[in-house]
C-alpha cells in the first residue's frame, strides 16, 4: 500500500545540484523532502510526502485529520527514529 504522510514545511532550500528541497515536520520529527513536484508550496504549508517526495499540498485541517486516522491505525511507526 502506498502511504503519503502530511508534514509542515519549516524551511525551503536548494541542494548543491539545484534541486528544491525542504525540511518538513512530521509530528515532531523533521525530515528532508524533495519539493520538485510541488513548486507552489512555501514555508508553513502542509505537504503530503511519500518516500521523501512532496506530492501535493493539503490544508492544516486535512493534515490533522490524516494524522489522527494514521495514529488510530498505528501507521506512524515509520517516522520513529530507532535508538542507537
PDB file of N, CA and C in Angstrom:
ATOM      1  N   UNK A   1       0.844  -1.178   0.000  1.00  0.00           N
ATOM      2  CA  UNK A   1       0.000   0.000   0.000  1.00  0.00           C
ATOM      3  C   UNK A   1       0.891   1.244   0.000  1.00  0.00           C
ATOM      4  N   UNK A   2       0.547   2.210  -0.812  1.00  0.00           N
ATOM      5  CA  UNK A   2       1.257   3.490  -0.829  1.00  0.00           C
ATOM      6  C   UNK A   2       0.646   4.395   0.229  1.00  0.00           C
ATOM      7  N   UNK A   3       1.483   5.063   0.970  1.00  0.00           N
ATOM      8  CA  UNK A   3       1.013   5.906   2.048  1.00  0.00           C
ATOM      9  C   UNK A   3       1.749   7.229   2.009  1.00  0.00           C
ATOM     10  N   UNK A   4       1.011   8.313   1.914  1.00  0.00           N
ATOM     11  CA  UNK A   4       1.595   9.649   1.975  1.00  0.00           C
ATOM     12  C   UNK A   4       1.240  10.250   3.327  1.00  0.00           C
ATOM     13  N   UNK A   5       2.212  10.875   3.961  1.00  0.00           N
ATOM     14  CA  UNK A   5       2.038  11.429   5.301  1.00  0.00           C
ATOM     15  C   UNK A   5       2.184  12.937   5.234  1.00  0.00           C
ATOM     16  N   UNK A   6       1.278  13.684   5.887  1.00  0.00           N
ATOM     17  CA  UNK A   6       1.392  15.140   5.855  1.00  0.00           C
ATOM     18  C   UNK A   6       2.513  15.652   6.757  1.00  0.00           C
ATOM     19  N   UNK A   7       3.214  16.647   6.272  1.00  0.00           N
ATOM     20  CA  UNK A   7       4.248  17.302   7.055  1.00  0.00           C
ATOM     21  C   UNK A   7       4.186  18.802   6.819  1.00  0.00           C
ATOM     22  N   UNK A   8       4.564  19.562   7.834  1.00  0.00           N
ATOM     23  CA  UNK A   8       4.562  21.020   7.722  1.00  0.00           C
ATOM     24  C   UNK A   8       5.949  21.492   7.315  1.00  0.00           C
ATOM     25  N   UNK A   9       6.022  22.216   6.200  1.00  0.00           N
ATOM     26  CA  UNK A   9       7.305  22.727   5.728  1.00  0.00           C
ATOM     27  C   UNK A   9       7.805  23.820   6.662  1.00  0.00           C
ATOM     28  N   UNK A  10       9.019  23.647   7.144  1.00  0.00           N
ATOM     29  CA  UNK A  10       9.583  24.653   8.046  1.00  0.00           C
ATOM     30  C   UNK A  10      10.739  25.402   7.401  1.00  0.00           C
ATOM     31  N   UNK A  11      11.241  24.876   6.286  1.00  0.00           N
ATOM     32  CA  UNK A  11      12.362  25.535   5.615  1.00  0.00           C
ATOM     33  C   UNK A  11      12.438  25.041   4.169  1.00  0.00           C
ATOM     34  N   UNK A  12      12.803  25.933   3.262  1.00  0.00           N
ATOM     35  CA  UNK A  12      12.979  25.565   1.858  1.00  0.00           C
ATOM     36  C   UNK A  12      14.364  26.027   1.414  1.00  0.00           C
ATOM     37  N   UNK A  13      15.055  25.155   0.673  1.00  0.00           N
ATOM     38  CA  UNK A  13      16.391  25.478   0.172  1.00  0.00           C
ATOM     39  C   UNK A  13      16.615  24.719  -1.137  1.00  0.00           C
ATOM     40  N   UNK A  14      17.813  24.809  -1.656  1.00  0.00           N
ATOM     41  CA  UNK A  14      18.213  24.052  -2.848  1.00  0.00           C
ATOM     42  C   UNK A  14      19.460  23.259  -2.505  1.00  0.00           C
ATOM     43  N   UNK A  15      19.527  22.024  -3.000  1.00  0.00           N
ATOM     44  CA  UNK A  15      20.729  21.237  -2.753  1.00  0.00           C
ATOM     45  C   UNK A  15      21.834  21.695  -3.705  1.00  0.00           C
ATOM     46  N   UNK A  16      23.038  21.146  -3.608  1.00  0.00           N
ATOM     47  CA  UNK A  16      24.145  21.590  -4.466  1.00  0.00           C
ATOM     48  C   UNK A  16      23.889  21.430  -5.964  1.00  0.00           C
ATOM     49  N   UNK A  17      22.923  20.600  -6.335  1.00  0.00           N
ATOM     50  CA  UNK A  17      22.595  20.383  -7.747  1.00  0.00           C
ATOM     51  C   UNK A  17      21.425  21.248  -8.213  1.00  0.00           C
ATOM     52  N   UNK A  18      20.925  22.115  -7.323  1.00  0.00           N
ATOM     53  CA  UNK A  18      19.830  22.997  -7.677  1.00  0.00           C
ATOM     54  C   UNK A  18      18.445  22.411  -7.471  1.00  0.00           C
ATOM     55  N   UNK A  19      18.359  21.238  -6.843  1.00  0.00           N
ATOM     56  CA  UNK A  19      17.071  20.598  -6.582  1.00  0.00           C
ATOM     57  C   UNK A  19      16.410  21.281  -5.392  1.00  0.00           C
ATOM     58  N   UNK A  20      15.147  21.651  -5.554  1.00  0.00           N
ATOM     59  CA  UNK A  20      14.389  22.319  -4.484  1.00  0.00           C
ATOM     60  C   UNK A  20      14.054  21.303  -3.401  1.00  0.00           C
ATOM     61  N   UNK A  21      14.537  21.570  -2.198  1.00  0.00           N
ATOM     62  CA  UNK A  21      14.349  20.679  -1.055  1.00  0.00           C
ATOM     63  C   UNK A  21      13.734  21.448   0.098  1.00  0.00           C
ATOM     64  N   UNK A  22      13.217  20.721   1.067  1.00  0.00           N
ATOM     65  CA  UNK A  22      12.662  21.364   2.242  1.00  0.00           C
ATOM     66  C   UNK A  22      12.797  20.483   3.464  1.00  0.00           C
ATOM     67  N   UNK A  23      12.686  21.106   4.613  1.00  0.00           N
ATOM     68  CA  UNK A  23      12.618  20.371   5.873  1.00  0.00           C
ATOM     69  C   UNK A  23      11.152  20.387   6.283  1.00  0.00           C
ATOM     70  N   UNK A  24      10.620  19.200   6.558  1.00  0.00           N
ATOM     71  CA  UNK A  24       9.215  19.085   6.947  1.00  0.00           C
ATOM     72  C   UNK A  24       9.116  18.455   8.328  1.00  0.00           C
ATOM     73  N   UNK A  25       8.204  18.980   9.121  1.00  0.00           N
ATOM     74  CA  UNK A  25       7.969  18.488  10.470  1.00  0.00           C
ATOM     75  C   UNK A  25       6.796  17.516  10.432  1.00  0.00           C
ATOM     76  N   UNK A  26       7.067  16.276  10.845  1.00  0.00           N
ATOM     77  CA  UNK A  26       6.048  15.229  10.902  1.00  0.00           C
ATOM     78  C   UNK A  26       5.779  14.916  12.368  1.00  0.00           C
ATOM     79  N   UNK A  27       4.938  15.698  12.999  1.00  0.00           N
ATOM     80  CA  UNK A  27       4.596  15.445  14.399  1.00  0.00           C
ATOM     81  C   UNK A  27       5.793  15.455  15.323  1.00  0.00           C
ATOM     82  N   UNK A  28       6.757  16.343  15.087  1.00  0.00           N
ATOM     83  CA  UNK A  28       7.921  16.454  15.951  1.00  0.00           C
ATOM     84  C   UNK A  28       9.184  15.853  15.359  1.00  0.00           C
ATOM     85  N   UNK A  29       9.063  15.093  14.301  1.00  0.00           N
ATOM     86  CA  UNK A  29      10.219  14.519  13.620  1.00  0.00           C
ATOM     87  C   UNK A  29      10.436  15.297  12.333  1.00  0.00           C
ATOM     88  N   UNK A  30      11.638  15.843  12.159  1.00  0.00           N
ATOM     89  CA  UNK A  30      11.944  16.669  10.986  1.00  0.00           C
ATOM     90  C   UNK A  30      12.745  15.842   9.993  1.00  0.00           C
ATOM     91  N   UNK A  31      12.278  15.851   8.745  1.00  0.00           N
ATOM     92  CA  UNK A  31      12.960  15.110   7.682  1.00  0.00           C
ATOM     93  C   UNK A  31      13.116  15.989   6.449  1.00  0.00           C
ATOM     94  N   UNK A  32      14.130  15.676   5.664  1.00  0.00           N
ATOM     95  CA  UNK A  32      14.377  16.354   4.399  1.00  0.00           C
ATOM     96  C   UNK A  32      13.452  15.756   3.335  1.00  0.00           C
ATOM     97  N   UNK A  33      12.808  16.620   2.530  1.00  0.00           N
ATOM     98  CA  UNK A  33      11.923  16.144   1.463  1.00  0.00           C
ATOM     99  C   UNK A  33      12.215  16.906   0.171  1.00  0.00           C
ATOM    100  N   UNK A  34      11.970  16.243  -0.941  1.00  0.00           N
ATOM    101  CA  UNK A  34      12.146  16.863  -2.246  1.00  0.00           C
ATOM    102  C   UNK A  34      10.866  17.612  -2.613  1.00  0.00           C
ATOM    103  N   UNK A  35      11.017  18.846  -3.077  1.00  0.00           N
ATOM    104  CA  UNK A  35       9.869  19.692  -3.412  1.00  0.00           C
ATOM    105  C   UNK A  35       9.731  19.937  -4.910  1.00  0.00           C
ATOM    106  N   UNK A  36      10.438  19.193  -5.722  1.00  0.00           N
ATOM    107  CA  UNK A  36      10.416  19.411  -7.167  1.00  0.00           C
ATOM    108  C   UNK A  36       9.031  19.218  -7.783  1.00  0.00           C
ATOM    109  N   UNK A  37       8.200  18.359  -7.198  1.00  0.00           N
ATOM    110  CA  UNK A  37       6.857  18.116  -7.747  1.00  0.00           C
ATOM    111  C   UNK A  37       5.815  19.104  -7.230  1.00  0.00           C
ATOM    112  N   UNK A  38       6.225  19.973  -6.293  1.00  0.00           N
ATOM    113  CA  UNK A  38       5.297  20.935  -5.688  1.00  0.00           C
ATOM    114  C   UNK A  38       5.926  22.328  -5.677  1.00  0.00           C
ATOM    115  N   UNK A  39       6.142  22.913  -6.850  1.00  0.00           N
ATOM    116  CA  UNK A  39       6.832  24.210  -6.907  1.00  0.00           C
ATOM    117  C   UNK A  39       6.047  25.351  -6.264  1.00  0.00           C
ATOM    118  N   UNK A  40       4.750  25.165  -6.040  1.00  0.00           N
ATOM    119  CA  UNK A  40       3.918  26.237  -5.499  1.00  0.00           C
ATOM    120  C   UNK A  40       3.973  26.348  -3.981  1.00  0.00           C
ATOM    121  N   UNK A  41       4.524  25.347  -3.283  1.00  0.00           N
ATOM    122  CA  UNK A  41       4.486  25.368  -1.823  1.00  0.00           C
ATOM    123  C   UNK A  41       5.525  26.326  -1.259  1.00  0.00           C
ATOM    124  N   UNK A  42       5.219  26.797  -0.043  1.00  0.00           N
ATOM    125  CA  UNK A  42       6.119  27.711   0.653  1.00  0.00           C
ATOM    126  C   UNK A  42       6.205  27.290   2.116  1.00  0.00           C
ATOM    127  N   UNK A  43       7.176  27.827   2.828  1.00  0.00           N
ATOM    128  CA  UNK A  43       7.334  27.512   4.248  1.00  0.00           C
ATOM    129  C   UNK A  43       6.027  27.807   4.982  1.00  0.00           C
ATOM    130  N   UNK A  44       5.623  26.876   5.845  1.00  0.00           N
ATOM    131  CA  UNK A  44       4.378  26.994   6.583  1.00  0.00           C
ATOM    132  C   UNK A  44       3.256  26.164   5.977  1.00  0.00           C
ATOM    133  N   UNK A  45       3.402  25.758   4.720  1.00  0.00           N
ATOM    134  CA  UNK A  45       2.400  24.908   4.071  1.00  0.00           C
ATOM    135  C   UNK A  45       2.534  23.469   4.549  1.00  0.00           C
ATOM    136  N   UNK A  46       1.442  22.723   4.417  1.00  0.00           N
ATOM    137  CA  UNK A  46       1.447  21.287   4.679  1.00  0.00           C
ATOM    138  C   UNK A  46       1.501  20.560   3.347  1.00  0.00           C
ATOM    139  N   UNK A  47       2.369  19.544   3.267  1.00  0.00           N
ATOM    140  CA  UNK A  47       2.503  18.759   2.047  1.00  0.00           C
ATOM    141  C   UNK A  47       2.335  17.282   2.378  1.00  0.00           C
ATOM    142  N   UNK A  48       1.805  16.527   1.415  1.00  0.00           N
ATOM    143  CA  UNK A  48       1.737  15.073   1.540  1.00  0.00           C
ATOM    144  C   UNK A  48       3.035  14.510   0.982  1.00  0.00           C
ATOM    145  N   UNK A  49       3.725  13.697   1.788  1.00  0.00           N
ATOM    146  CA  UNK A  49       5.034  13.173   1.413  1.00  0.00           C
ATOM    147  C   UNK A  49       4.993  11.654   1.339  1.00  0.00           C
ATOM    148  N   UNK A  50       5.539  11.136   0.246  1.00  0.00           N
ATOM    149  CA  UNK A  50       5.680   9.690   0.064  1.00  0.00           C
ATOM    150  C   UNK A  50       7.116   9.414  -0.362  1.00  0.00           C
ATOM    151  N   UNK A  51       7.783   8.528   0.344  1.00  0.00           N
ATOM    152  CA  UNK A  51       9.190   8.157   0.134  1.00  0.00           C
ATOM    153  C   UNK A  51      10.094   9.364  -0.141  1.00  0.00           C
ATOM    154  N   UNK A  52       9.906  10.423   0.626  1.00  0.00           N
ATOM    155  CA  UNK A  52      10.778  11.580   0.536  1.00  0.00           C
ATOM    156  C   UNK A  52      10.402  12.626  -0.486  1.00  0.00           C
ATOM    157  N   UNK A  53       9.302  12.427  -1.213  1.00  0.00           N
ATOM    158  CA  UNK A  53       8.857  13.382  -2.225  1.00  0.00           C
ATOM    159  C   UNK A  53       7.525  14.004  -1.820  1.00  0.00           C
ATOM    160  N   UNK A  54       7.462  15.332  -1.810  1.00  0.00           N
ATOM    161  CA  UNK A  54       6.200  16.019  -1.575  1.00  0.00           C
ATOM    162  C   UNK A  54       5.366  15.894  -2.851  1.00  0.00           C
ATOM    163  N   UNK A  55       4.171  15.319  -2.728  1.00  0.00           N
ATOM    164  CA  UNK A  55       3.328  15.049  -3.890  1.00  0.00           C
ATOM    165  C   UNK A  55       2.206  16.056  -4.075  1.00  0.00           C
ATOM    166  N   UNK A  56       1.854  16.756  -3.008  1.00  0.00           N
ATOM    167  CA  UNK A  56       0.770  17.722  -3.106  1.00  0.00           C
ATOM    168  C   UNK A  56       0.636  18.510  -1.817  1.00  0.00           C
ATOM    169  N   UNK A  57      -0.134  19.560  -1.898  1.00  0.00           N
ATOM    170  CA  UNK A  57      -0.366  20.449  -0.761  1.00  0.00           C
ATOM    171  C   UNK A  57      -1.723  20.127  -0.147  1.00  0.00           C
ATOM    172  N   UNK A  58      -1.803  20.174   1.192  1.00  0.00           N
ATOM    173  CA  UNK A  58      -3.076  19.999   1.905  1.00  0.00           C
ATOM    174  C   UNK A  58      -3.196  21.109   2.938  1.00  0.00           C
ATOM    175  N   UNK A  59      -4.423  21.365   3.380  1.00  0.00           N
ATOM    176  CA  UNK A  59      -4.587  22.385   4.412  1.00  0.00           C
ATOM    177  C   UNK A  59      -4.347  21.772   5.801  1.00  0.00           C
ATOM    178  N   UNK A  60      -4.229  22.619   6.790  1.00  0.00           N
ATOM    179  CA  UNK A  60      -3.893  22.177   8.138  1.00  0.00           C
ATOM    180  C   UNK A  60      -4.946  21.233   8.709  1.00  0.00           C
ATOM    181  N   UNK A  61      -6.216  21.495   8.426  1.00  0.00           N
ATOM    182  CA  UNK A  61      -7.300  20.641   8.922  1.00  0.00           C
ATOM    183  C   UNK A  61      -7.203  19.224   8.342  1.00  0.00           C
ATOM    184  N   UNK A  62      -6.932  19.129   7.055  1.00  0.00           N
ATOM    185  CA  UNK A  62      -6.783  17.822   6.411  1.00  0.00           C
ATOM    186  C   UNK A  62      -5.556  17.088   6.950  1.00  0.00           C
ATOM    187  N   UNK A  63      -4.473  17.812   7.188  1.00  0.00           N
ATOM    188  CA  UNK A  63      -3.269  17.201   7.753  1.00  0.00           C
ATOM    189  C   UNK A  63      -3.566  16.629   9.140  1.00  0.00           C
ATOM    190  N   UNK A  64      -4.259  17.383   9.983  1.00  0.00           N
ATOM    191  CA  UNK A  64      -4.597  16.922  11.336  1.00  0.00           C
ATOM    192  C   UNK A  64      -5.509  15.695  11.283  1.00  0.00           C
ATOM    193  N   UNK A  65      -6.479  15.720  10.387  1.00  0.00           N
ATOM    194  CA  UNK A  65      -7.393  14.584  10.247  1.00  0.00           C
ATOM    195  C   UNK A  65      -6.631  13.340   9.797  1.00  0.00           C
ATOM    196  N   UNK A  66      -5.726  13.504   8.871  1.00  0.00           N
ATOM    197  CA  UNK A  66      -4.934  12.376   8.372  1.00  0.00           C
ATOM    198  C   UNK A  66      -4.066  11.802   9.491  1.00  0.00           C
ATOM    199  N   UNK A  67      -3.430  12.674  10.288  1.00  0.00           N
ATOM    200  CA  UNK A  67      -2.606  12.202  11.401  1.00  0.00           C
ATOM    201  C   UNK A  67      -3.437  11.400  12.394  1.00  0.00           C
ATOM    202  N   UNK A  68      -4.630  11.897  12.714  1.00  0.00           N
ATOM    203  CA  UNK A  68      -5.486  11.165  13.654  1.00  0.00           C
ATOM    204  C   UNK A  68      -5.801   9.768  13.128  1.00  0.00           C
ATOM    205  N   UNK A  69      -6.176   9.678  11.859  1.00  0.00           N
ATOM    206  CA  UNK A  69      -6.511   8.382  11.274  1.00  0.00           C
ATOM    207  C   UNK A  69      -5.299   7.450  11.226  1.00  0.00           C
ATOM    208  N   UNK A  70      -4.153   7.971  10.829  1.00  0.00           N
ATOM    209  CA  UNK A  70      -2.943   7.143  10.777  1.00  0.00           C
ATOM    210  C   UNK A  70      -2.546   6.658  12.169  1.00  0.00           C
ATOM    211  N   UNK A  71      -2.719   7.527  13.153  1.00  0.00           N
ATOM    212  CA  UNK A  71      -2.410   7.141  14.526  1.00  0.00           C
ATOM    213  C   UNK A  71      -3.346   6.037  14.999  1.00  0.00           C
ATOM    214  N   UNK A  72      -4.647   6.149  14.696  1.00  0.00           N
ATOM    215  CA  UNK A  72      -5.615   5.119  15.062  1.00  0.00           C
ATOM    216  C   UNK A  72      -5.277   3.772  14.424  1.00  0.00           C
ATOM    217  N   UNK A  73      -4.709   3.810  13.219  1.00  0.00           N
ATOM    218  CA  UNK A  73      -4.357   2.583  12.500  1.00  0.00           C
ATOM    219  C   UNK A  73      -2.930   2.126  12.825  1.00  0.00           C
ATOM    220  N   UNK A  74      -2.249   2.843  13.740  1.00  0.00           N
ATOM    221  CA  UNK A  74      -0.874   2.534  14.122  1.00  0.00           C
ATOM    222  C   UNK A  74       0.054   2.519  12.903  1.00  0.00           C
ATOM    223  N   UNK A  75      -0.079   3.531  12.045  1.00  0.00           N
ATOM    224  CA  UNK A  75       0.689   3.601  10.810  1.00  0.00           C
ATOM    225  C   UNK A  75       1.764   4.681  10.825  1.00  0.00           C
ATOM    226  N   UNK A  76       2.072   5.252  11.985  1.00  0.00           N
ATOM    227  CA  UNK A  76       3.076   6.309  12.045  1.00  0.00           C
ATOM    228  C   UNK A  76       4.435   5.795  12.505  1.00  0.00           C
ATOM    229  N   UNK A  77       4.594   4.490  12.639  1.00  0.00           N
ATOM    230  CA  UNK A  77       5.844   3.936  13.173  1.00  0.00           C
ATOM    231  C   UNK A  77       7.031   4.181  12.253  1.00  0.00           C
ATOM    232  N   UNK A  78       6.810   4.344  10.938  1.00  0.00           N
ATOM    233  CA  UNK A  78       7.938   4.575  10.036  1.00  0.00           C
ATOM    234  C   UNK A  78       8.622   5.912  10.293  1.00  0.00           C
ATOM    235  N   UNK A  79       7.950   6.800  11.002  1.00  0.00           N
ATOM    236  CA  UNK A  79       8.562   8.089  11.334  1.00  0.00           C
ATOM    237  C   UNK A  79       9.473   8.004  12.559  1.00  0.00           C
ATOM    238  N   UNK A  80       9.327   6.944  13.326  1.00  0.00           N
ATOM    239  CA  UNK A  80      10.106   6.822  14.559  1.00  0.00           C
ATOM    240  C   UNK A  80      11.574   6.599  14.242  1.00  0.00           C
ATOM    241  N   UNK A  81      12.414   7.232  15.024  1.00  0.00           N
ATOM    242  CA  UNK A  81      13.855   7.090  14.856  1.00  0.00           C
ATOM    243  C   UNK A  81      14.323   6.017  15.835  1.00  0.00           C
ATOM    244  N   UNK A  82      14.997   4.969  15.354  1.00  0.00           N
ATOM    245  CA  UNK A  82      15.445   3.904  16.265  1.00  0.00           C
ATOM    246  C   UNK A  82      16.521   4.394  17.221  1.00  0.00           C
ATOM    247  N   UNK A  83      16.529   3.826  18.434  1.00  0.00           N
ATOM    248  CA  UNK A  83      17.569   4.140  19.408  1.00  0.00           C
ATOM    249  C   UNK A  83      18.863   3.484  18.961  1.00  0.00           C
ATOM    250  N   UNK A  84      19.949   4.225  19.097  1.00  0.00           N
ATOM    251  CA  UNK A  84      21.249   3.667  18.713  1.00  0.00           C
ATOM    252  C   UNK A  84      22.015   3.180  19.919  1.00  0.00           C
TER     253      UNK A  84
END
